[in-house]
Amino acid sequence: MTTALRCGKCGSPVHIRKRPLTSKQAFVLERIKDHIDFYGYAPTLQELADRCDNALSSMWAVVDHLEKKGHIRKTPRDWQAMEVI
């Protein structure tokens, strides 16, 4: 079961407004975009952690915030099913 991001006012997925990112979140988002452009699929969390010189647990938090802020969409239990919105 996937959960779609919805607008807080009307519940529609169409009116999602992306919230601003911290510098670390923006850096990680750019690494995700670069990986997708080069390989055609999203990186794993371990690949992101290695590329960004961060701990794996830190990547969990950053990716979770990116999804909550409306910048990526991920499929539960499949970290390579990330998509940049």
PDB file of N, CA and C in Angstrom:
ATOM      1  N   MET A   1       0.844  -1.174   0.000  1.00  0.00           N
ATOM      2  CA  MET A   1       0.000   0.000   0.000  1.00  0.00           C
ATOM      3  C   MET A   1       0.895   1.244   0.000  1.00  0.00           C
ATOM      4  N   THR A   2       0.707   2.115  -0.957  1.00  0.00           N
ATOM      5  CA  THR A   2       1.482   3.339  -1.020  1.00  0.00           C
ATOM      6  C   THR A   2       0.645   4.501  -0.516  1.00  0.00           C
ATOM      7  N   THR A   3       1.298   5.480   0.043  1.00  0.00           N
ATOM      8  CA  THR A   3       0.595   6.664   0.523  1.00  0.00           C
ATOM      9  C   THR A   3       0.968   7.829  -0.367  1.00  0.00           C
ATOM     10  N   ALA A   4      -0.028   8.458  -0.935  1.00  0.00           N
ATOM     11  CA  ALA A   4       0.212   9.598  -1.811  1.00  0.00           C
ATOM     12  C   ALA A   4       0.260  10.874  -0.978  1.00  0.00           C
ATOM     13  N   LEU A   5       1.088  11.800  -1.373  1.00  0.00           N
ATOM     14  CA  LEU A   5       1.127  13.099  -0.717  1.00  0.00           C
ATOM     15  C   LEU A   5      -0.103  13.880  -1.131  1.00  0.00           C
ATOM     16  N   ARG A   6      -0.743  14.501  -0.165  1.00  0.00           N
ATOM     17  CA  ARG A   6      -1.986  15.220  -0.420  1.00  0.00           C
ATOM     18  C   ARG A   6      -1.904  16.658   0.080  1.00  0.00           C
ATOM     19  N   CYS A   7      -2.709  17.514  -0.511  1.00  0.00           N
ATOM     20  CA  CYS A   7      -2.831  18.900  -0.086  1.00  0.00           C
ATOM     21  C   CYS A   7      -3.500  18.937   1.290  1.00  0.00           C
ATOM     22  N   GLY A   8      -3.008  19.784   2.188  1.00  0.00           N
ATOM     23  CA  GLY A   8      -3.585  19.890   3.518  1.00  0.00           C
ATOM     24  C   GLY A   8      -4.966  20.504   3.541  1.00  0.00           C
ATOM     25  N   LYS A   9      -5.291  21.347   2.560  1.00  0.00           N
ATOM     26  CA  LYS A   9      -6.591  22.009   2.539  1.00  0.00           C
ATOM     27  C   LYS A   9      -7.678  21.154   1.902  1.00  0.00           C
ATOM     28  N   CYS A  10      -7.408  20.652   0.699  1.00  0.00           N
ATOM     29  CA  CYS A  10      -8.469  19.952  -0.031  1.00  0.00           C
ATOM     30  C   CYS A  10      -8.228  18.451  -0.162  1.00  0.00           C
ATOM     31  N   GLY A  11      -7.035  17.968   0.184  1.00  0.00           N
ATOM     32  CA  GLY A  11      -6.747  16.545   0.089  1.00  0.00           C
ATOM     33  C   GLY A  11      -6.368  16.084  -1.304  1.00  0.00           C
ATOM     34  N   SER A  12      -6.281  16.999  -2.247  1.00  0.00           N
ATOM     35  CA  SER A  12      -5.954  16.654  -3.625  1.00  0.00           C
ATOM     36  C   SER A  12      -4.442  16.524  -3.812  1.00  0.00           C
ATOM     37  N   PRO A  13      -3.993  15.518  -4.596  1.00  0.00           N
ATOM     38  CA  PRO A  13      -2.557  15.407  -4.852  1.00  0.00           C
ATOM     39  C   PRO A  13      -2.056  16.472  -5.826  1.00  0.00           C
ATOM     40  N   VAL A  14      -2.962  17.193  -6.450  1.00  0.00           N
ATOM     41  CA  VAL A  14      -2.597  18.171  -7.472  1.00  0.00           C
ATOM     42  C   VAL A  14      -2.025  19.454  -6.871  1.00  0.00           C
ATOM     43  N   HIS A  15      -2.477  19.829  -5.692  1.00  0.00           N
ATOM     44  CA  HIS A  15      -2.119  21.129  -5.121  1.00  0.00           C
ATOM     45  C   HIS A  15      -0.980  21.058  -4.112  1.00  0.00           C
ATOM     46  N   ILE A  16      -0.095  20.094  -4.267  1.00  0.00           N
ATOM     47  CA  ILE A  16       1.017  19.950  -3.327  1.00  0.00           C
ATOM     48  C   ILE A  16       1.994  21.106  -3.534  1.00  0.00           C
ATOM     49  N   ARG A  17       2.342  21.766  -2.454  1.00  0.00           N
ATOM     50  CA  ARG A  17       3.307  22.850  -2.515  1.00  0.00           C
ATOM     51  C   ARG A  17       4.590  22.367  -1.864  1.00  0.00           C
ATOM     52  N   LYS A  18       5.669  22.440  -2.612  1.00  0.00           N
ATOM     53  CA  LYS A  18       6.959  21.997  -2.085  1.00  0.00           C
ATOM     54  C   LYS A  18       7.460  23.002  -1.060  1.00  0.00           C
ATOM     55  N   ARG A  19       7.918  22.484   0.075  1.00  0.00           N
ATOM     56  CA  ARG A  19       8.460  23.339   1.122  1.00  0.00           C
ATOM     57  C   ARG A  19       9.971  23.501   0.912  1.00  0.00           C
ATOM     58  N   PRO A  20      10.546  24.613   1.380  1.00  0.00           N
ATOM     59  CA  PRO A  20      11.973  24.866   1.182  1.00  0.00           C
ATOM     60  C   PRO A  20      12.846  23.824   1.879  1.00  0.00           C
ATOM     61  N   LEU A  21      14.035  23.642   1.333  1.00  0.00           N
ATOM     62  CA  LEU A  21      14.974  22.646   1.836  1.00  0.00           C
ATOM     63  C   LEU A  21      16.128  23.295   2.582  1.00  0.00           C
ATOM     64  N   THR A  22      16.705  22.534   3.503  1.00  0.00           N
ATOM     65  CA  THR A  22      17.948  22.959   4.136  1.00  0.00           C
ATOM     66  C   THR A  22      19.067  22.715   3.120  1.00  0.00           C
ATOM     67  N   SER A  23      20.245  23.218   3.401  1.00  0.00           N
ATOM     68  CA  SER A  23      21.359  23.034   2.464  1.00  0.00           C
ATOM     69  C   SER A  23      21.728  21.550   2.338  1.00  0.00           C
ATOM     70  N   LYS A  24      21.669  20.809   3.433  1.00  0.00           N
ATOM     71  CA  LYS A  24      21.984  19.377   3.392  1.00  0.00           C
ATOM     72  C   LYS A  24      20.946  18.618   2.569  1.00  0.00           C
ATOM     73  N   GLN A  25      19.673  18.951   2.751  1.00  0.00           N
ATOM     74  CA  GLN A  25      18.617  18.299   1.987  1.00  0.00           C
ATOM     75  C   GLN A  25      18.743  18.610   0.500  1.00  0.00           C
ATOM     76  N   ALA A  26      19.065  19.852   0.168  1.00  0.00           N
ATOM     77  CA  ALA A  26      19.246  20.234  -1.234  1.00  0.00           C
ATOM     78  C   ALA A  26      20.418  19.488  -1.852  1.00  0.00           C
ATOM     79  N   PHE A  27      21.500  19.325  -1.085  1.00  0.00           N
ATOM     80  CA  PHE A  27      22.676  18.597  -1.560  1.00  0.00           C
ATOM     81  C   PHE A  27      22.319  17.141  -1.859  1.00  0.00           C
ATOM     82  N   VAL A  28      21.590  16.498  -0.952  1.00  0.00           N
ATOM     83  CA  VAL A  28      21.191  15.102  -1.140  1.00  0.00           C
ATOM     84  C   VAL A  28      20.236  14.973  -2.321  1.00  0.00           C
ATOM     85  N   LEU A  29      19.308  15.911  -2.464  1.00  0.00           N
ATOM     86  CA  LEU A  29      18.371  15.884  -3.594  1.00  0.00           C
ATOM     87  C   LEU A  29      19.127  15.977  -4.919  1.00  0.00           C
ATOM     88  N   GLU A  30      20.140  16.814  -4.979  1.00  0.00           N
ATOM     89  CA  GLU A  30      20.951  16.923  -6.202  1.00  0.00           C
ATOM     90  C   GLU A  30      21.685  15.617  -6.492  1.00  0.00           C
ATOM     91  N   ARG A  31      22.200  14.953  -5.455  1.00  0.00           N
ATOM     92  CA  ARG A  31      22.865  13.653  -5.652  1.00  0.00           C
ATOM     93  C   ARG A  31      21.875  12.609  -6.169  1.00  0.00           C
ATOM     94  N   ILE A  32      20.639  12.647  -5.685  1.00  0.00           N
ATOM     95  CA  ILE A  32      19.610  11.718  -6.175  1.00  0.00           C
ATOM     96  C   ILE A  32      19.335  11.988  -7.653  1.00  0.00           C
ATOM     97  N   LYS A  33      19.159  13.261  -8.002  1.00  0.00           N
ATOM     98  CA  LYS A  33      18.900  13.628  -9.400  1.00  0.00           C
ATOM     99  C   LYS A  33      20.050  13.203 -10.306  1.00  0.00           C
ATOM    100  N   ASP A  34      21.285  13.457  -9.865  1.00  0.00           N
ATOM    101  CA  ASP A  34      22.463  13.075 -10.656  1.00  0.00           C
ATOM    102  C   ASP A  34      22.499  11.570 -10.887  1.00  0.00           C
ATOM    103  N   HIS A  35      22.227  10.797  -9.858  1.00  0.00           N
ATOM    104  CA  HIS A  35      22.254   9.336  -9.964  1.00  0.00           C
ATOM    105  C   HIS A  35      21.176   8.851 -10.931  1.00  0.00           C
ATOM    106  N   ILE A  36      19.981   9.410 -10.829  1.00  0.00           N
ATOM    107  CA  ILE A  36      18.885   9.012 -11.725  1.00  0.00           C
ATOM    108  C   ILE A  36      19.222   9.383 -13.170  1.00  0.00           C
ATOM    109  N   ASP A  37      19.780  10.567 -13.383  1.00  0.00           N
ATOM    110  CA  ASP A  37      20.156  10.987 -14.744  1.00  0.00           C
ATOM    111  C   ASP A  37      21.222  10.075 -15.340  1.00  0.00           C
ATOM    112  N   PHE A  38      22.190   9.657 -14.524  1.00  0.00           N
ATOM    113  CA  PHE A  38      23.300   8.853 -15.027  1.00  0.00           C
ATOM    114  C   PHE A  38      22.929   7.381 -15.194  1.00  0.00           C
ATOM    115  N   TYR A  39      22.273   6.799 -14.184  1.00  0.00           N
ATOM    116  CA  TYR A  39      21.983   5.364 -14.202  1.00  0.00           C
ATOM    117  C   TYR A  39      20.563   5.001 -14.642  1.00  0.00           C
ATOM    118  N   GLY A  40      19.639   5.953 -14.544  1.00  0.00           N
ATOM    119  CA  GLY A  40      18.258   5.661 -14.927  1.00  0.00           C
ATOM    120  C   GLY A  40      17.403   5.133 -13.791  1.00  0.00           C
ATOM    121  N   TYR A  41      17.962   5.028 -12.595  1.00  0.00           N
ATOM    122  CA  TYR A  41      17.192   4.593 -11.431  1.00  0.00           C
ATOM    123  C   TYR A  41      17.763   5.271 -10.194  1.00  0.00           C
ATOM    124  N   ALA A  42      16.981   5.288  -9.127  1.00  0.00           N
ATOM    125  CA  ALA A  42      17.387   5.974  -7.905  1.00  0.00           C
ATOM    126  C   ALA A  42      18.456   5.184  -7.147  1.00  0.00           C
ATOM    127  N   PRO A  43      19.280   5.878  -6.381  1.00  0.00           N
ATOM    128  CA  PRO A  43      20.307   5.197  -5.584  1.00  0.00           C
ATOM    129  C   PRO A  43      19.704   4.542  -4.344  1.00  0.00           C
ATOM    130  N   THR A  44      20.412   3.581  -3.792  1.00  0.00           N
ATOM    131  CA  THR A  44      20.016   3.024  -2.504  1.00  0.00           C
ATOM    132  C   THR A  44      20.443   4.005  -1.416  1.00  0.00           C
ATOM    133  N   LEU A  45      19.934   3.805  -0.213  1.00  0.00           N
ATOM    134  CA  LEU A  45      20.340   4.675   0.882  1.00  0.00           C
ATOM    135  C   LEU A  45      21.831   4.546   1.172  1.00  0.00           C
ATOM    136  N   GLN A  46      22.367   3.337   1.045  1.00  0.00           N
ATOM    137  CA  GLN A  46      23.794   3.145   1.291  1.00  0.00           C
ATOM    138  C   GLN A  46      24.625   3.898   0.252  1.00  0.00           C
ATOM    139  N   GLU A  47      24.207   3.860  -1.016  1.00  0.00           N
ATOM    140  CA  GLU A  47      24.915   4.610  -2.057  1.00  0.00           C
ATOM    141  C   GLU A  47      24.852   6.104  -1.774  1.00  0.00           C
ATOM    142  N   LEU A  48      23.690   6.593  -1.338  1.00  0.00           N
ATOM    143  CA  LEU A  48      23.559   8.010  -0.995  1.00  0.00           C
ATOM    144  C   LEU A  48      24.462   8.375   0.172  1.00  0.00           C
ATOM    145  N   ALA A  49      24.462   7.540   1.193  1.00  0.00           N
ATOM    146  CA  ALA A  49      25.296   7.805   2.366  1.00  0.00           C
ATOM    147  C   ALA A  49      26.772   7.863   1.972  1.00  0.00           C
ATOM    148  N   ASP A  50      27.208   6.932   1.131  1.00  0.00           N
ATOM    149  CA  ASP A  50      28.607   6.925   0.682  1.00  0.00           C
ATOM    150  C   ASP A  50      28.932   8.162  -0.139  1.00  0.00           C
ATOM    151  N   ARG A  51      28.025   8.537  -1.029  1.00  0.00           N
ATOM    152  CA  ARG A  51      28.263   9.691  -1.902  1.00  0.00           C
ATOM    153  C   ARG A  51      28.260  11.015  -1.158  1.00  0.00           C
ATOM    154  N   CYS A  52      27.468  11.090  -0.099  1.00  0.00           N
ATOM    155  CA  CYS A  52      27.340  12.341   0.650  1.00  0.00           C
ATOM    156  C   CYS A  52      28.196  12.361   1.911  1.00  0.00           C
ATOM    157  N   ASP A  53      28.984  11.313   2.119  1.00  0.00           N
ATOM    158  CA  ASP A  53      29.840  11.208   3.313  1.00  0.00           C
ATOM    159  C   ASP A  53      29.047  11.366   4.609  1.00  0.00           C
ATOM    160  N   ASN A  54      27.915  10.665   4.684  1.00  0.00           N
ATOM    161  CA  ASN A  54      27.070  10.689   5.871  1.00  0.00           C
ATOM    162  C   ASN A  54      26.808   9.270   6.335  1.00  0.00           C
ATOM    163  N   ALA A  55      26.309   9.151   7.553  1.00  0.00           N
ATOM    164  CA  ALA A  55      25.924   7.847   8.077  1.00  0.00           C
ATOM    165  C   ALA A  55      24.609   7.405   7.438  1.00  0.00           C
ATOM    166  N   LEU A  56      24.412   6.110   7.375  1.00  0.00           N
ATOM    167  CA  LEU A  56      23.189   5.559   6.797  1.00  0.00           C
ATOM    168  C   LEU A  56      21.956   6.049   7.553  1.00  0.00           C
ATOM    169  N   SER A  57      22.040   6.123   8.871  1.00  0.00           N
ATOM    170  CA  SER A  57      20.898   6.599   9.656  1.00  0.00           C
ATOM    171  C   SER A  57      20.552   8.051   9.331  1.00  0.00           C
ATOM    172  N   SER A  58      21.570   8.831   9.016  1.00  0.00           N
ATOM    173  CA  SER A  58      21.346  10.222   8.625  1.00  0.00           C
ATOM    174  C   SER A  58      20.591  10.298   7.291  1.00  0.00           C
ATOM    175  N   MET A  59      20.926   9.388   6.369  1.00  0.00           N
ATOM    176  CA  MET A  59      20.242   9.367   5.077  1.00  0.00           C
ATOM    177  C   MET A  59      18.765   9.025   5.227  1.00  0.00           C
ATOM    178  N   TRP A  60      18.450   8.113   6.167  1.00  0.00           N
ATOM    179  CA  TRP A  60      17.042   7.791   6.421  1.00  0.00           C
ATOM    180  C   TRP A  60      16.275   9.072   6.741  1.00  0.00           C
ATOM    181  N   ALA A  61      16.820   9.871   7.642  1.00  0.00           N
ATOM    182  CA  ALA A  61      16.149  11.091   8.075  1.00  0.00           C
ATOM    183  C   ALA A  61      16.029  12.105   6.940  1.00  0.00           C
ATOM    184  N   VAL A  62      17.109  12.302   6.189  1.00  0.00           N
ATOM    185  CA  VAL A  62      17.093  13.294   5.106  1.00  0.00           C
ATOM    186  C   VAL A  62      16.091  12.898   4.022  1.00  0.00           C
ATOM    187  N   VAL A  63      16.102  11.631   3.617  1.00  0.00           N
ATOM    188  CA  VAL A  63      15.176  11.168   2.575  1.00  0.00           C
ATOM    189  C   VAL A  63      13.735  11.260   3.067  1.00  0.00           C
ATOM    190  N   ASP A  64      13.514  10.951   4.339  1.00  0.00           N
ATOM    191  CA  ASP A  64      12.174  11.061   4.910  1.00  0.00           C
ATOM    192  C   ASP A  64      11.687  12.505   4.864  1.00  0.00           C
ATOM    193  N   HIS A  65      12.568  13.449   5.204  1.00  0.00           N
ATOM    194  CA  HIS A  65      12.201  14.867   5.150  1.00  0.00           C
ATOM    195  C   HIS A  65      11.953  15.322   3.709  1.00  0.00           C
ATOM    196  N   LEU A  66      12.741  14.825   2.765  1.00  0.00           N
ATOM    197  CA  LEU A  66      12.526  15.186   1.362  1.00  0.00           C
ATOM    198  C   LEU A  66      11.147  14.730   0.894  1.00  0.00           C
ATOM    199  N   GLU A  67      10.739  13.563   1.343  1.00  0.00           N
ATOM    200  CA  GLU A  67       9.408  13.078   0.964  1.00  0.00           C
ATOM    201  C   GLU A  67       8.314  13.900   1.643  1.00  0.00           C
ATOM    202  N   LYS A  68       8.476  14.184   2.926  1.00  0.00           N
ATOM    203  CA  LYS A  68       7.468  14.959   3.647  1.00  0.00           C
ATOM    204  C   LYS A  68       7.339  16.376   3.094  1.00  0.00           C
ATOM    205  N   LYS A  69       8.430  16.919   2.572  1.00  0.00           N
ATOM    206  CA  LYS A  69       8.401  18.269   2.009  1.00  0.00           C
ATOM    207  C   LYS A  69       7.937  18.286   0.553  1.00  0.00           C
ATOM    208  N   GLY A  70       7.666  17.104  -0.011  1.00  0.00           N
ATOM    209  CA  GLY A  70       7.098  17.041  -1.350  1.00  0.00           C
ATOM    210  C   GLY A  70       8.092  17.086  -2.496  1.00  0.00           C
ATOM    211  N   HIS A  71       9.360  16.785  -2.251  1.00  0.00           N
ATOM    212  CA  HIS A  71      10.364  16.844  -3.312  1.00  0.00           C
ATOM    213  C   HIS A  71      10.644  15.496  -3.960  1.00  0.00           C
ATOM    214  N   ILE A  72      10.368  14.410  -3.232  1.00  0.00           N
ATOM    215  CA  ILE A  72      10.516  13.073  -3.806  1.00  0.00           C
ATOM    216  C   ILE A  72       9.308  12.231  -3.401  1.00  0.00           C
ATOM    217  N   ARG A  73       9.142  11.145  -4.103  1.00  0.00           N
ATOM    218  CA  ARG A  73       8.118  10.157  -3.765  1.00  0.00           C
ATOM    219  C   ARG A  73       8.833   8.816  -3.702  1.00  0.00           C
ATOM    220  N   LYS A  74       8.573   8.028  -2.678  1.00  0.00           N
ATOM    221  CA  LYS A  74       9.215   6.725  -2.567  1.00  0.00           C
ATOM    222  C   LYS A  74       8.180   5.644  -2.325  1.00  0.00           C
ATOM    223  N   THR A  75       8.550   4.432  -2.707  1.00  0.00           N
ATOM    224  CA  THR A  75       7.689   3.286  -2.500  1.00  0.00           C
ATOM    225  C   THR A  75       8.157   2.581  -1.231  1.00  0.00           C
ATOM    226  N   PRO A  76       7.250   2.279  -0.305  1.00  0.00           N
ATOM    227  CA  PRO A  76       7.655   1.586   0.915  1.00  0.00           C
ATOM    228  C   PRO A  76       8.346   0.256   0.600  1.00  0.00           C
ATOM    229  N   ARG A  77       9.362  -0.071   1.383  1.00  0.00           N
ATOM    230  CA  ARG A  77      10.122  -1.311   1.276  1.00  0.00           C
ATOM    231  C   ARG A  77      10.940  -1.420   0.000  1.00  0.00           C
ATOM    232  N   ASP A  78      11.073  -0.371  -0.780  1.00  0.00           N
ATOM    233  CA  ASP A  78      11.893  -0.421  -1.990  1.00  0.00           C
ATOM    234  C   ASP A  78      12.565   0.934  -2.182  1.00  0.00           C
ATOM    235  N   TRP A  79      13.777   1.116  -1.612  1.00  0.00           N
ATOM    236  CA  TRP A  79      14.439   2.415  -1.634  1.00  0.00           C
ATOM    237  C   TRP A  79      14.925   2.828  -3.011  1.00  0.00           C
ATOM    238  N   GLN A  80      14.996   1.903  -3.965  1.00  0.00           N
ATOM    239  CA  GLN A  80      15.391   2.337  -5.289  1.00  0.00           C
ATOM    240  C   GLN A  80      14.185   2.752  -6.116  1.00  0.00           C
ATOM    241  N   ALA A  81      13.044   2.808  -5.513  1.00  0.00           N
ATOM    242  CA  ALA A  81      11.849   3.269  -6.203  1.00  0.00           C
ATOM    243  C   ALA A  81      11.530   4.719  -5.844  1.00  0.00           C
ATOM    244  N   MET A  82      12.581   5.515  -5.630  1.00  0.00           N
ATOM    245  CA  MET A  82      12.422   6.951  -5.375  1.00  0.00           C
ATOM    246  C   MET A  82      12.230   7.666  -6.704  1.00  0.00           C
ATOM    247  N   GLU A  83      11.421   8.705  -6.652  1.00  0.00           N
ATOM    248  CA  GLU A  83      11.234   9.509  -7.850  1.00  0.00           C
ATOM    249  C   GLU A  83      11.226  10.977  -7.448  1.00  0.00           C
ATOM    250  N   VAL A  84      11.917  11.801  -8.187  1.00  0.00           N
ATOM    251  CA  VAL A  84      11.955  13.241  -7.920  1.00  0.00           C
ATOM    252  C   VAL A  84      10.703  13.850  -8.523  1.00  0.00           C
ATOM    253  N   ILE A  85      10.034  14.678  -7.706  1.00  0.00           N
ATOM    254  CA  ILE A  85       8.776  15.311  -8.157  1.00  0.00           C
ATOM    255  C   ILE A  85       9.090  16.686  -8.711  1.00  0.00           C
TER     256      ILE A  85
END
